[in-house]
Amino acid sequence: MTYIIAEPCIDVLDRGCVDVCPVDCIYEGPDQLYIHPEECIDCGACEPECPVTAIFVEEDVPNEWASYTKKNYVYFEGGEEREVARGRGG
């Protein structure tokens, strides 16, 4: 299980959730923030910090934003290149 950031975050990019994440698993993409599904420890600290209520437990993502679950996983595909691009590797 992981948390998913959905449509309300688009172009908002409030970083309050990043500040409270104990494992630094939230990354900034071109249009929204993303939670790394393998790094997330499911602590839930990020969810109440989101001012636009964009963070959901994966199985609780509203139907209208279901595509954001796949979008989140796709964002982290690409392995090392993406890690380097985010300043986390190489």
N, C-alpha and C. Protein backbone atom coordinates (compact mmCIF):
# COMPACT_ATOMS: atom_id res chain seq x y z
N MET A 1 0.85 -1.19 0.00
CA MET A 1 0.00 0.00 0.00
C MET A 1 0.88 1.24 0.00
N THR A 2 0.39 2.26 -0.65
CA THR A 2 1.06 3.55 -0.64
C THR A 2 -0.01 4.63 -0.67
N TYR A 3 0.42 5.84 -0.60
CA TYR A 3 -0.47 6.98 -0.75
C TYR A 3 -0.33 7.51 -2.16
N ILE A 4 -1.41 8.08 -2.68
CA ILE A 4 -1.46 8.62 -4.04
C ILE A 4 -1.85 10.09 -3.94
N ILE A 5 -1.19 10.90 -4.73
CA ILE A 5 -1.56 12.32 -4.82
C ILE A 5 -2.35 12.49 -6.12
N ALA A 6 -3.54 13.06 -6.00
CA ALA A 6 -4.47 13.14 -7.12
C ALA A 6 -4.62 14.58 -7.66
N GLU A 7 -5.60 14.75 -8.51
CA GLU A 7 -5.81 15.98 -9.29
C GLU A 7 -5.77 17.30 -8.51
N PRO A 8 -6.30 17.37 -7.29
CA PRO A 8 -6.27 18.67 -6.61
C PRO A 8 -4.87 19.26 -6.44
N CYS A 9 -3.83 18.44 -6.55
CA CYS A 9 -2.45 18.94 -6.41
C CYS A 9 -1.93 19.59 -7.69
N ILE A 10 -2.58 19.32 -8.82
CA ILE A 10 -2.09 19.84 -10.10
C ILE A 10 -1.87 21.35 -10.00
N ASP A 11 -0.66 21.76 -10.29
CA ASP A 11 -0.24 23.15 -10.31
C ASP A 11 -0.30 23.85 -8.95
N VAL A 12 -0.65 23.14 -7.88
CA VAL A 12 -0.64 23.72 -6.54
C VAL A 12 0.74 23.51 -5.91
N LEU A 13 1.17 22.26 -5.87
CA LEU A 13 2.49 21.88 -5.39
C LEU A 13 2.83 22.45 -4.01
N ASP A 14 1.85 22.48 -3.12
CA ASP A 14 2.12 22.87 -1.73
C ASP A 14 3.03 21.80 -1.14
N ARG A 15 4.11 22.18 -0.52
CA ARG A 15 5.11 21.23 -0.06
C ARG A 15 4.99 20.90 1.43
N GLY A 16 3.85 21.21 2.03
CA GLY A 16 3.65 20.87 3.44
C GLY A 16 3.79 19.38 3.70
N CYS A 17 3.31 18.58 2.75
CA CYS A 17 3.42 17.13 2.89
C CYS A 17 4.87 16.67 2.84
N VAL A 18 5.67 17.34 2.03
CA VAL A 18 7.09 17.00 1.91
C VAL A 18 7.79 17.27 3.24
N ASP A 19 7.46 18.37 3.86
CA ASP A 19 8.11 18.77 5.11
C ASP A 19 7.88 17.77 6.25
N VAL A 20 6.73 17.08 6.25
CA VAL A 20 6.43 16.16 7.35
C VAL A 20 6.76 14.70 7.04
N CYS A 21 7.14 14.40 5.82
CA CYS A 21 7.43 13.01 5.44
C CYS A 21 8.72 12.54 6.11
N PRO A 22 8.64 11.51 6.96
CA PRO A 22 9.84 11.07 7.69
C PRO A 22 10.86 10.32 6.82
N VAL A 23 10.46 9.89 5.63
CA VAL A 23 11.38 9.13 4.77
C VAL A 23 11.67 9.82 3.45
N ASP A 24 11.23 11.05 3.28
CA ASP A 24 11.49 11.83 2.06
C ASP A 24 11.10 11.07 0.80
N CYS A 25 9.87 10.55 0.76
CA CYS A 25 9.42 9.78 -0.40
C CYS A 25 8.52 10.56 -1.32
N ILE A 26 8.39 11.87 -1.11
CA ILE A 26 7.54 12.71 -1.95
C ILE A 26 8.42 13.56 -2.85
N TYR A 27 8.13 13.49 -4.15
CA TYR A 27 8.97 14.15 -5.15
C TYR A 27 8.14 15.10 -5.99
N GLU A 28 8.79 16.15 -6.44
CA GLU A 28 8.11 17.13 -7.28
C GLU A 28 8.28 16.76 -8.74
N GLY A 29 7.15 16.63 -9.43
CA GLY A 29 7.14 16.38 -10.86
C GLY A 29 6.86 17.68 -11.59
N PRO A 30 6.66 17.60 -12.89
CA PRO A 30 6.44 18.82 -13.66
C PRO A 30 5.12 19.54 -13.35
N ASP A 31 4.11 18.80 -12.88
CA ASP A 31 2.81 19.42 -12.64
C ASP A 31 2.21 19.13 -11.28
N GLN A 32 2.80 18.19 -10.55
CA GLN A 32 2.27 17.82 -9.24
C GLN A 32 3.35 17.11 -8.44
N LEU A 33 3.03 16.81 -7.18
CA LEU A 33 3.92 16.02 -6.33
C LEU A 33 3.53 14.55 -6.48
N TYR A 34 4.51 13.67 -6.23
CA TYR A 34 4.31 12.22 -6.36
C TYR A 34 4.90 11.53 -5.14
N ILE A 35 4.27 10.44 -4.70
CA ILE A 35 4.77 9.64 -3.59
C ILE A 35 5.35 8.35 -4.15
N HIS A 36 6.62 8.09 -3.83
CA HIS A 36 7.28 6.89 -4.33
C HIS A 36 6.67 5.67 -3.64
N PRO A 37 6.07 4.75 -4.41
CA PRO A 37 5.37 3.63 -3.80
C PRO A 37 6.26 2.64 -3.05
N GLU A 38 7.53 2.56 -3.40
CA GLU A 38 8.42 1.63 -2.71
C GLU A 38 9.11 2.27 -1.51
N GLU A 39 9.13 3.58 -1.45
CA GLU A 39 9.77 4.27 -0.33
C GLU A 39 8.77 4.64 0.77
N CYS A 40 7.50 4.78 0.40
CA CYS A 40 6.46 5.18 1.36
C CYS A 40 6.32 4.10 2.44
N ILE A 41 6.29 4.54 3.69
CA ILE A 41 6.14 3.61 4.81
C ILE A 41 4.71 3.62 5.36
N ASP A 42 3.80 4.24 4.65
CA ASP A 42 2.38 4.26 5.00
C ASP A 42 2.11 4.85 6.38
N CYS A 43 2.88 5.86 6.74
CA CYS A 43 2.70 6.46 8.06
C CYS A 43 1.50 7.40 8.11
N GLY A 44 1.11 7.96 6.96
CA GLY A 44 -0.05 8.85 6.92
C GLY A 44 0.24 10.28 7.32
N ALA A 45 1.47 10.62 7.60
CA ALA A 45 1.79 11.99 8.05
C ALA A 45 1.46 13.03 6.99
N CYS A 46 1.56 12.67 5.73
CA CYS A 46 1.36 13.62 4.64
C CYS A 46 -0.11 14.01 4.45
N GLU A 47 -1.00 13.07 4.65
CA GLU A 47 -2.41 13.26 4.31
C GLU A 47 -3.04 14.49 4.97
N PRO A 48 -2.93 14.67 6.29
CA PRO A 48 -3.57 15.84 6.90
C PRO A 48 -2.88 17.16 6.58
N GLU A 49 -1.67 17.12 6.06
CA GLU A 49 -0.94 18.35 5.75
C GLU A 49 -1.31 18.95 4.39
N CYS A 50 -2.03 18.19 3.57
CA CYS A 50 -2.37 18.66 2.23
C CYS A 50 -3.52 19.67 2.30
N PRO A 51 -3.29 20.92 1.89
CA PRO A 51 -4.32 21.94 2.00
C PRO A 51 -5.45 21.79 0.98
N VAL A 52 -5.23 20.96 -0.05
CA VAL A 52 -6.26 20.78 -1.09
C VAL A 52 -6.84 19.36 -1.09
N THR A 53 -6.57 18.59 -0.05
CA THR A 53 -7.08 17.22 0.10
C THR A 53 -6.84 16.40 -1.15
N ALA A 54 -5.57 16.31 -1.54
CA ALA A 54 -5.20 15.58 -2.75
C ALA A 54 -4.56 14.23 -2.45
N ILE A 55 -4.30 13.91 -1.19
CA ILE A 55 -3.57 12.69 -0.83
C ILE A 55 -4.54 11.65 -0.28
N PHE A 56 -4.46 10.45 -0.86
CA PHE A 56 -5.35 9.36 -0.48
C PHE A 56 -4.57 8.07 -0.33
N VAL A 57 -5.02 7.20 0.58
CA VAL A 57 -4.52 5.83 0.61
C VAL A 57 -4.89 5.24 -0.75
N GLU A 58 -3.99 4.47 -1.33
CA GLU A 58 -4.17 3.98 -2.70
C GLU A 58 -5.55 3.39 -2.95
N GLU A 59 -6.04 2.56 -2.07
CA GLU A 59 -7.35 1.94 -2.32
C GLU A 59 -8.53 2.88 -2.06
N ASP A 60 -8.26 4.08 -1.55
CA ASP A 60 -9.33 5.05 -1.28
C ASP A 60 -9.35 6.22 -2.27
N VAL A 61 -8.56 6.14 -3.33
CA VAL A 61 -8.57 7.21 -4.33
C VAL A 61 -9.97 7.27 -4.94
N PRO A 62 -10.61 8.44 -4.95
CA PRO A 62 -11.94 8.54 -5.54
C PRO A 62 -11.95 8.10 -7.02
N ASN A 63 -13.05 7.50 -7.43
CA ASN A 63 -13.17 6.97 -8.79
C ASN A 63 -12.81 7.99 -9.86
N GLU A 64 -13.20 9.24 -9.66
CA GLU A 64 -12.93 10.25 -10.69
C GLU A 64 -11.44 10.54 -10.85
N TRP A 65 -10.65 10.14 -9.88
CA TRP A 65 -9.20 10.36 -9.94
C TRP A 65 -8.41 9.05 -9.98
N ALA A 66 -9.07 7.97 -10.32
CA ALA A 66 -8.42 6.65 -10.35
C ALA A 66 -7.20 6.63 -11.26
N SER A 67 -7.21 7.41 -12.31
CA SER A 67 -6.08 7.43 -13.25
C SER A 67 -4.80 7.95 -12.58
N TYR A 68 -4.93 8.64 -11.47
CA TYR A 68 -3.75 9.17 -10.78
C TYR A 68 -2.94 8.07 -10.09
N THR A 69 -3.58 6.95 -9.80
CA THR A 69 -2.84 5.83 -9.23
C THR A 69 -1.83 5.33 -10.25
N LYS A 70 -2.29 5.10 -11.47
CA LYS A 70 -1.37 4.65 -12.52
C LYS A 70 -0.34 5.73 -12.83
N LYS A 71 -0.79 6.99 -12.88
CA LYS A 71 0.12 8.10 -13.17
C LYS A 71 1.26 8.12 -12.14
N ASN A 72 0.94 7.87 -10.87
CA ASN A 72 1.95 7.85 -9.82
C ASN A 72 2.98 6.74 -10.06
N TYR A 73 2.50 5.55 -10.36
CA TYR A 73 3.43 4.43 -10.60
C TYR A 73 4.26 4.66 -11.85
N VAL A 74 3.64 5.17 -12.90
CA VAL A 74 4.37 5.43 -14.15
C VAL A 74 5.46 6.47 -13.93
N TYR A 75 5.20 7.47 -13.11
CA TYR A 75 6.19 8.51 -12.84
C TYR A 75 7.49 7.92 -12.33
N PHE A 76 7.39 6.86 -11.53
CA PHE A 76 8.59 6.27 -10.94
C PHE A 76 9.19 5.14 -11.77
N GLU A 77 8.60 4.81 -12.90
CA GLU A 77 9.21 3.85 -13.80
C GLU A 77 10.36 4.55 -14.50
N GLY A 78 11.37 3.80 -14.88
CA GLY A 78 12.51 4.41 -15.56
C GLY A 78 13.77 4.32 -14.73
N GLY A 79 13.63 3.85 -13.50
CA GLY A 79 14.78 3.53 -12.67
C GLY A 79 15.79 4.63 -12.49
N GLU A 80 17.03 4.30 -12.80
CA GLU A 80 18.16 5.16 -12.48
C GLU A 80 18.08 6.52 -13.15
N GLU A 81 17.60 6.57 -14.39
CA GLU A 81 17.53 7.86 -15.08
C GLU A 81 16.65 8.83 -14.30
N ARG A 82 15.52 8.35 -13.80
CA ARG A 82 14.63 9.22 -13.05
C ARG A 82 15.28 9.61 -11.73
N GLU A 83 15.97 8.70 -11.08
CA GLU A 83 16.65 9.01 -9.82
C GLU A 83 17.69 10.11 -10.03
N VAL A 84 18.46 10.02 -11.09
CA VAL A 84 19.46 11.03 -11.39
C VAL A 84 18.78 12.35 -11.70
N ALA A 85 17.70 12.31 -12.48
CA ALA A 85 16.99 13.53 -12.85
C ALA A 85 16.43 14.24 -11.62
N ARG A 86 16.08 13.49 -10.58
CA ARG A 86 15.53 14.08 -9.35
C ARG A 86 16.63 14.42 -8.36
N GLY A 87 17.89 14.20 -8.75
CA GLY A 87 18.99 14.53 -7.86
C GLY A 87 19.20 13.53 -6.75
N ARG A 88 18.74 12.28 -6.94
CA ARG A 88 18.84 11.28 -5.89
C ARG A 88 19.86 10.20 -6.18
N GLY A 89 20.52 10.26 -7.31
CA GLY A 89 21.45 9.18 -7.62
C GLY A 89 22.57 9.68 -8.51
N GLY A 90 23.46 8.73 -8.87
CA GLY A 90 24.54 8.97 -9.82
C GLY A 90 25.34 10.13 -9.52
